[in-house]
Protein backbone atom coordinates (compact mmCIF):
# COMPACT_ATOMS: atom_id res chain seq x y z
CA MET A 1 -64.69 65.40 -14.97
CA ASP A 2 -65.74 61.76 -14.51
CA ASN A 3 -62.20 60.95 -13.41
CA ILE A 4 -62.38 63.66 -10.74
CA PHE A 5 -65.65 62.21 -9.43
CA PHE A 6 -64.13 58.72 -9.33
CA ILE A 7 -61.08 59.88 -7.39
CA ALA A 8 -63.21 61.96 -4.98
CA ILE A 9 -65.53 59.02 -4.30
CA LEU A 10 -62.57 56.70 -3.79
CA ILE A 11 -60.87 59.10 -1.37
CA MET A 12 -63.99 59.47 0.79
CA SER A 13 -64.59 55.72 0.67
CA VAL A 14 -61.08 54.89 1.91
CA VAL A 15 -61.41 57.59 4.58
CA ILE A 16 -64.65 56.00 5.82
CA HIS A 17 -62.88 52.64 5.74
CA GLU A 18 -59.99 53.86 7.90
CA VAL A 19 -62.09 55.91 10.34
CA SER A 20 -64.24 52.82 10.96
CA HIS A 21 -61.13 50.96 12.15
CA GLY A 22 -60.45 53.74 14.63
CA PHE A 23 -63.98 53.90 16.03
CA VAL A 24 -64.17 50.14 16.56
CA ALA A 25 -60.75 50.21 18.25
CA LEU A 26 -62.12 52.95 20.52
CA TRP A 27 -65.13 50.72 21.25
CA PHE A 28 -62.63 48.12 22.47
CA ASP A 29 -60.94 50.73 24.71
CA ASP A 30 -57.97 51.61 22.49
CA ARG A 31 -57.72 55.41 22.20
CA THR A 32 -54.66 55.52 19.91
CA ALA A 33 -56.59 56.83 16.90
CA LEU A 34 -58.45 59.34 19.05
CA TYR A 35 -55.25 60.78 20.49
CA ALA A 36 -53.72 60.89 16.99
CA GLY A 37 -56.62 63.04 15.77
CA ARG A 38 -57.62 60.45 13.17
CA LEU A 39 -61.28 59.95 14.12
CA THR A 40 -62.39 62.51 11.56
CA LEU A 41 -63.82 62.38 8.04
CA ASN A 42 -61.54 65.24 6.98
CA PRO A 43 -59.66 63.61 4.07
CA LEU A 44 -56.60 65.81 4.61
CA LYS A 45 -55.92 63.88 7.83
CA HIS A 46 -55.86 60.56 6.01
CA LEU A 47 -54.52 61.08 2.48
CA ASP A 48 -51.64 58.97 1.24
CA ILE A 49 -50.24 60.67 -1.87
CA PHE A 50 -49.52 57.43 -3.71
CA GLY A 51 -52.37 55.23 -2.49
CA SER A 52 -55.09 57.91 -2.44
CA ILE A 53 -54.22 59.93 -5.55
CA ILE A 54 -51.43 58.67 -7.85
CA LEU A 55 -52.41 54.98 -8.02
CA PRO A 56 -56.19 55.57 -8.39
CA LEU A 57 -55.58 58.20 -11.07
CA PHE A 58 -53.29 55.80 -12.93
CA LEU A 59 -55.90 53.03 -12.76
CA VAL A 60 -58.65 55.36 -13.99
CA LEU A 61 -56.57 56.70 -16.89
CA THR A 62 -55.55 53.17 -17.94
CA HIS A 63 -59.19 52.00 -17.76
CA SER A 64 -58.42 49.32 -15.20
CA PRO A 65 -61.42 47.06 -14.52
CA PHE A 66 -60.64 47.21 -10.80
CA LEU A 67 -60.21 50.54 -9.02
CA PHE A 68 -58.68 50.59 -5.56
CA GLY A 69 -56.49 52.66 -3.30
CA TRP A 70 -55.77 53.33 0.34
CA ALA A 71 -55.40 56.06 2.93
CA LYS A 72 -52.83 56.28 5.71
CA PRO A 73 -53.73 53.49 8.14
CA VAL A 74 -55.50 54.71 11.27
CA PRO A 75 -53.21 53.70 14.15
CA TYR A 76 -54.34 51.37 16.87
CA ASN A 77 -52.56 49.34 19.54
CA PRO A 78 -53.81 45.74 19.83
CA GLU A 79 -52.28 45.56 23.30
CA ASN A 80 -54.81 48.15 24.47
CA LEU A 81 -57.86 46.26 23.21
CA SER A 82 -60.14 44.95 25.94
CA ASN A 83 -60.35 41.67 24.01
CA LYS A 84 -57.16 41.22 22.01
CA LYS A 85 -58.28 38.38 19.73
CA TRP A 86 -61.85 39.38 18.89
CA GLY A 87 -61.03 43.06 19.19
CA THR A 88 -58.41 42.64 16.47
CA VAL A 89 -60.90 40.76 14.28
CA ALA A 90 -63.52 43.46 14.85
CA VAL A 91 -61.12 46.32 14.09
CA ALA A 92 -59.89 44.59 10.93
CA SER A 93 -63.46 43.83 9.80
CA ALA A 94 -64.75 47.34 10.47
CA GLY A 95 -63.43 48.94 7.28
CA VAL A 96 -64.78 46.19 5.05
CA LEU A 97 -68.19 46.28 6.75
CA ALA A 98 -68.30 50.07 6.47
CA ASN A 99 -67.67 49.91 2.72
CA LEU A 100 -70.31 47.19 2.34
CA LEU A 101 -72.84 49.30 4.26
CA VAL A 102 -72.13 52.35 2.09
CA ALA A 103 -72.45 50.24 -1.07
CA THR A 104 -75.69 48.66 0.13
CA PHE A 105 -77.22 51.98 1.19
CA PHE A 106 -76.59 53.76 -2.10
CA GLY A 107 -77.27 50.60 -4.10
CA LEU A 108 -80.73 50.26 -2.59
CA ILE A 109 -81.44 53.93 -3.31
CA LEU A 110 -80.56 53.20 -6.92
CA ARG A 111 -82.65 50.00 -7.02
CA PHE A 112 -85.76 51.61 -5.53
CA SER A 113 -85.37 54.64 -7.76
CA PHE A 114 -85.83 52.34 -10.74
CA TYR A 115 -88.51 50.30 -8.98
CA PHE A 116 -90.66 53.35 -8.29
CA SER A 117 -89.82 54.91 -11.67
CA PHE A 118 -88.01 57.84 -10.03
CA VAL A 119 -85.28 57.28 -12.59
CA ASP A 120 -87.29 59.35 -15.06
CA ILE A 121 -86.66 62.48 -13.01
CA LEU A 122 -83.08 61.67 -12.05
CA SER A 123 -80.22 62.89 -14.20
CA VAL A 124 -77.89 60.42 -15.89
CA LYS A 125 -75.04 62.01 -13.95
CA PHE A 126 -76.76 61.34 -10.62
CA ILE A 127 -77.31 57.70 -11.53
CA SER A 128 -73.66 57.45 -12.60
CA ILE A 129 -72.46 58.88 -9.28
CA LEU A 130 -74.59 56.46 -7.25
CA SER A 131 -73.36 53.54 -9.36
CA SER A 132 -69.75 54.67 -8.85
CA ILE A 133 -70.21 54.87 -5.08
CA VAL A 134 -71.57 51.32 -5.00
CA PHE A 135 -68.93 49.98 -7.38
CA ILE A 136 -65.96 51.57 -5.62
CA ASN A 137 -67.06 50.60 -2.11
CA LEU A 138 -67.69 47.01 -3.15
CA GLY A 139 -64.27 46.95 -4.81
CA LEU A 140 -62.58 48.21 -1.64
CA ALA A 141 -64.42 45.69 0.53
CA ILE A 142 -63.56 42.74 -1.71
CA PHE A 143 -59.93 43.74 -2.25
CA ASN A 144 -59.33 44.30 1.47
CA LEU A 145 -60.58 40.80 2.26
CA VAL A 146 -57.63 39.29 0.37
CA PRO A 147 -55.54 37.58 3.10
CA ILE A 148 -52.21 39.24 2.26
CA PRO A 149 -50.61 41.76 4.66
CA PRO A 150 -51.29 44.56 5.20
CA LEU A 151 -54.84 44.04 3.93
CA ASP A 152 -57.62 43.50 6.45
CA GLY A 153 -58.21 39.93 5.32
CA SER A 154 -54.79 38.94 6.61
CA LYS A 155 -55.45 40.44 10.05
CA ILE A 156 -58.78 38.62 10.28
CA LEU A 157 -57.33 35.30 9.15
CA PHE A 158 -54.14 35.49 11.21
CA SER A 159 -56.12 36.34 14.36
CA LEU A 160 -58.25 33.23 13.92
CA LEU A 161 -55.47 30.80 13.01
CA PRO A 162 -53.99 28.69 15.82
CA SER A 163 -50.45 29.43 16.96
CA SER A 164 -49.18 26.37 15.06
CA PHE A 165 -49.54 28.40 11.84
CA TYR A 166 -46.88 30.88 12.94
CA LYS A 167 -44.51 29.83 10.11
CA VAL A 168 -47.19 30.50 7.48
CA ILE A 169 -48.01 33.84 9.06
CA SER A 170 -44.32 34.73 9.25
CA PHE A 171 -43.87 33.87 5.56
CA PHE A 172 -46.79 36.06 4.49
CA GLU A 173 -45.54 38.95 6.63
CA GLN A 174 -41.96 38.64 5.41
CA TYR A 175 -42.88 38.58 1.71
CA ALA A 176 -45.98 40.78 1.95
CA LEU A 177 -44.82 43.35 -0.61
CA VAL A 178 -43.91 40.73 -3.21
CA LEU A 179 -47.16 38.83 -2.64
CA ILE A 180 -49.38 41.92 -2.86
CA LEU A 181 -47.65 43.11 -6.05
CA PHE A 182 -47.98 39.64 -7.57
CA PHE A 183 -51.66 39.57 -6.68
CA ILE A 184 -52.33 43.03 -8.14
CA VAL A 185 -50.50 42.26 -11.39
CA PHE A 186 -51.68 38.71 -12.03
CA LEU A 187 -54.72 37.86 -9.91
CA VAL A 188 -56.75 40.98 -9.15
CA ASP A 189 -58.91 40.52 -12.27
CA TYR A 190 -60.30 37.33 -10.71
CA LEU A 191 -62.09 39.52 -8.15
CA TYR A 192 -63.99 41.29 -10.92
CA PRO A 193 -66.75 38.64 -11.36
CA ILE A 194 -67.45 38.80 -7.62
CA LEU A 195 -67.64 42.60 -7.83
CA ILE A 196 -70.05 42.47 -10.78
CA TYR A 197 -72.25 39.86 -9.08
CA LEU A 198 -72.58 41.88 -5.88
CA PHE A 199 -73.21 45.10 -7.80
CA GLN A 200 -76.03 43.50 -9.77
CA LEU A 201 -77.41 41.83 -6.65
CA ILE A 202 -77.65 45.11 -4.74
CA THR A 203 -78.66 47.52 -7.50
CA GLY A 204 -80.54 45.24 -9.87
CA LEU A 205 -78.58 46.79 -12.74
CA ALA A 206 -76.67 44.85 -15.35
CA ILE A 207 -73.17 45.89 -16.41
């Protein structure tokens, strides 16, 4: 049952992440996501079978310290953005900021519940769900800031780099799959201390 809750929370968190991209793109006058019918929180419109279900389930069942996944990317056309450079940065940042806001909101509920002693009347399951929401959203935000395509961190970084870095950008784009797999297999655990620190900072709980 806990695994089902984890997967459900992750799915809704990645949906919020993707929809945020679409709404910010719309703010910058790109209606691609709107016309594609992707500005909705209905998870069926966003699910990626591997990234939203198979991979997260595998990570949960193998007790991975870092849970992540993805939904189908919400489409947008950077050529339609009213400000191409900063619009691209804003669209790429939107998903990360959305996950951070969700984590902060539920984390503060958890913190103040303990502060005002409401925890005595809250079920252990409820506390576990809130903790999972915070943990998963922080994990998504941190992982997506890694500057490897197609993660949001790469779009933010590449938009800010001067044109003289085109060879570096081209290298990362050409070998994106190899680099992301290498990172997941060998380096993703290094994000865990950051995740734990932010979780404790927001909720006041020790893990």
